[in-house]
Amino acid sequence: MVFIQIPPLRERQKDLETLIGHFLNKCNHSLNKNINTISSNVMEIFHTYRWPGNVRELEHVIEGAMNMVQNNGVIKKEHLSVHINSFGNKNDILSSNNHLSQKNDLFMPNEKNENRDNNKNTYEKSNEKIVSEIIPESIPDHPINLAQLQTENEVRTICQALKDSRGNAAKASRQLGISPQLLHYKMKRYDINRMDYKPAPKNSSE
């Protein structure tokens, strides 16, 4: 099993708008639409939400919203999926955060401006670099649901705990904060062998 380490989106807030612009372009192409505007309250939700599903969750949220918006329309809060919308309702986003100017009700990540046009090549290369760092080319381009992402993260975490404990399941379970019985159940479920993480025996002839 091969895992690809993707930087948590919550740790790349400064790159969030670049990713949003990237996914808008991608979905416009695949959905044959022309949607390039997001309301400021949606952007506030995007900046505050923790994104447990990482960049794939962001892509799916944007794609789902764009399916709800008419061509040349604006992505608004009511177009978001239920769990994102509920998050926005539970948190007073606009009053507690101010990533965007309150005077600017709309956000256009791909909007052209004079400074950007004068440095078009530098700007585009910078964005391409950011996107390639966060979304490796080796990630498959098919939908990945949240359950699959959670499973992969759980397997990776268990393997890391076994590596840290040198194959000691009791120590690994304490590190993970779960019972040894639950750890053994998960190891069996995911076909993880703790012996693979035990140090190799020293050669007695040495």
Foldseek 3Di string as FASTA:
>chain_A
DDDDDFPAVLVVLVLQLLLLQVLQVVLCVVVVAAEFKEFPLVVLLVNPDRPPVGSLVVSVQSNQLVVVADGHGYRYLVSGDPVSSVSSVVDVRVVPDPPDPPVDGMDGSPDDDDVCVVVVVVVVVVSVVVCCRRPPPPPDPDRDDPVNSVLVVVVVLLVVLLLVVQLDLCSSCVVVVHHSVVSVVSCVVVVNHSPVRHDDDDDPVD
